């Protein structure tokens, strides 16, 4: 995702608001996956993947909010949101695979 690039043009007063929240949620997706990979069991990995899906849902909402308040152009919203939806799809498929193997 290019959330950092997209949020660079957000208004300065949003630096510690929506900009920070959106960036943290986006990086949390990968962070949760990485932490889950470092755990001992597939069940723990699955739990962290569920958290990553939650973070992706936060990104979805915050992208929508950014678009609705005029901080994010429609084309950027569509592109970024499609990426988040694809990440959620992949995570869901991976979680299902993990639970099927258990």
Protein backbone atom coordinates (compact mmCIF):
# COMPACT_ATOMS: atom_id res chain seq x y z
CA UNK A 1 0.00 0.00 0.00
CA UNK A 2 1.08 3.49 -0.65
CA UNK A 3 -0.63 4.95 2.39
CA UNK A 4 2.41 7.02 3.32
CA UNK A 5 2.47 8.65 -0.10
CA UNK A 6 -1.28 9.25 -0.11
CA UNK A 7 -1.28 10.80 3.37
CA UNK A 8 1.68 13.09 2.66
CA UNK A 9 -0.70 15.64 1.18
CA UNK A 10 -3.16 15.57 4.10
CA UNK A 11 -3.48 18.91 5.94
CA UNK A 12 -0.78 19.62 8.53
CA UNK A 13 -3.27 19.72 11.44
CA UNK A 14 -4.06 16.07 10.65
CA UNK A 15 -0.44 14.97 11.16
CA UNK A 16 -1.29 13.60 14.61
CA UNK A 17 -4.88 12.73 13.71
CA UNK A 18 -6.09 10.90 10.65
CA UNK A 19 -2.66 10.81 8.98
CA UNK A 20 -1.06 9.08 11.95
CA UNK A 21 -4.03 6.76 12.53
CA UNK A 22 -4.11 5.63 8.91
CA UNK A 23 -0.37 5.06 8.74
CA UNK A 24 -0.32 3.12 12.02
CA UNK A 25 -3.23 0.92 10.98
CA UNK A 26 -1.58 0.18 7.62
CA UNK A 27 1.75 -0.75 9.17
CA UNK A 28 -0.05 -2.79 11.83
CA UNK A 29 -1.21 -5.23 9.15
CA UNK A 30 2.32 -6.33 8.30
CA UNK A 31 3.47 -6.05 11.91
CA UNK A 32 0.82 -8.49 13.09
CA UNK A 33 1.71 -10.96 10.35
CA UNK A 34 5.40 -10.70 11.21
CA UNK A 35 4.74 -11.19 14.91
CA UNK A 36 2.52 -14.18 14.20
CA UNK A 37 5.25 -15.76 12.09
CA UNK A 38 7.58 -15.55 15.07
CA UNK A 39 5.22 -17.50 17.30
CA UNK A 40 5.44 -21.17 18.13
CA UNK A 41 2.18 -22.52 16.73
CA UNK A 42 -0.10 -22.16 13.74
CA UNK A 43 -2.91 -21.26 16.14
CA UNK A 44 -0.93 -18.26 17.36
CA UNK A 45 -0.10 -17.30 13.77
CA UNK A 46 -3.82 -17.48 12.98
CA UNK A 47 -4.64 -15.24 15.94
CA UNK A 48 -2.22 -12.59 14.73
CA UNK A 49 -3.57 -12.90 11.19
CA UNK A 50 -7.04 -12.19 12.60
CA UNK A 51 -5.59 -9.05 14.19
CA UNK A 52 -4.10 -8.11 10.82
CA UNK A 53 -7.57 -8.41 9.26
CA UNK A 54 -8.85 -6.08 11.96
CA UNK A 55 -6.13 -3.57 11.16
CA UNK A 56 -7.03 -3.82 7.47
CA UNK A 57 -10.64 -3.05 8.37
CA UNK A 58 -9.43 0.04 10.23
CA UNK A 59 -7.55 1.11 7.10
CA UNK A 60 -10.69 0.61 5.02
CA UNK A 61 -12.69 2.86 7.30
CA UNK A 62 -10.04 5.55 7.55
CA UNK A 63 -9.58 5.63 3.77
CA UNK A 64 -13.32 6.13 3.43
CA UNK A 65 -13.24 8.91 6.02
CA UNK A 66 -10.27 10.58 4.31
CA UNK A 67 -12.14 10.51 1.02
CA UNK A 68 -15.37 11.78 2.56
CA UNK A 69 -13.68 14.79 4.20
CA UNK A 70 -11.85 15.63 0.98
CA UNK A 71 -8.31 14.63 1.97
CA UNK A 72 -8.11 11.76 -0.53
CA UNK A 73 -9.02 11.91 -4.20
CA UNK A 74 -11.58 9.39 -5.43
CA UNK A 75 -9.06 7.67 -7.72
CA UNK A 76 -6.58 7.26 -4.86
CA UNK A 77 -9.33 5.97 -2.60
CA UNK A 78 -10.44 3.38 -5.16
CA UNK A 79 -6.87 2.19 -5.74
CA UNK A 80 -5.92 1.98 -2.06
CA UNK A 81 -9.22 0.44 -1.00
CA UNK A 82 -8.89 -2.24 -3.68
CA UNK A 83 -5.46 -3.09 -2.28
CA UNK A 84 -6.80 -3.37 1.26
CA UNK A 85 -9.66 -5.59 0.12
CA UNK A 86 -7.16 -7.86 -1.66
CA UNK A 87 -4.99 -8.06 1.49
CA UNK A 88 -8.06 -9.01 3.53
CA UNK A 89 -8.98 -11.66 0.98
CA UNK A 90 -5.50 -13.16 1.10
CA UNK A 91 -5.40 -13.11 4.90
CA UNK A 92 -8.81 -14.76 5.13
CA UNK A 93 -7.71 -17.51 2.74
CA UNK A 94 -4.53 -18.03 4.77
CA UNK A 95 -6.47 -18.20 8.04
CA UNK A 96 -8.82 -20.76 6.53
CA UNK A 97 -5.80 -22.80 5.40
CA UNK A 98 -4.29 -22.64 8.87
CA UNK A 99 -7.48 -23.80 10.52
CA UNK A 100 -7.98 -26.58 7.97
CA UNK A 101 -4.50 -27.91 8.74
CA UNK A 102 -5.13 -27.95 12.49
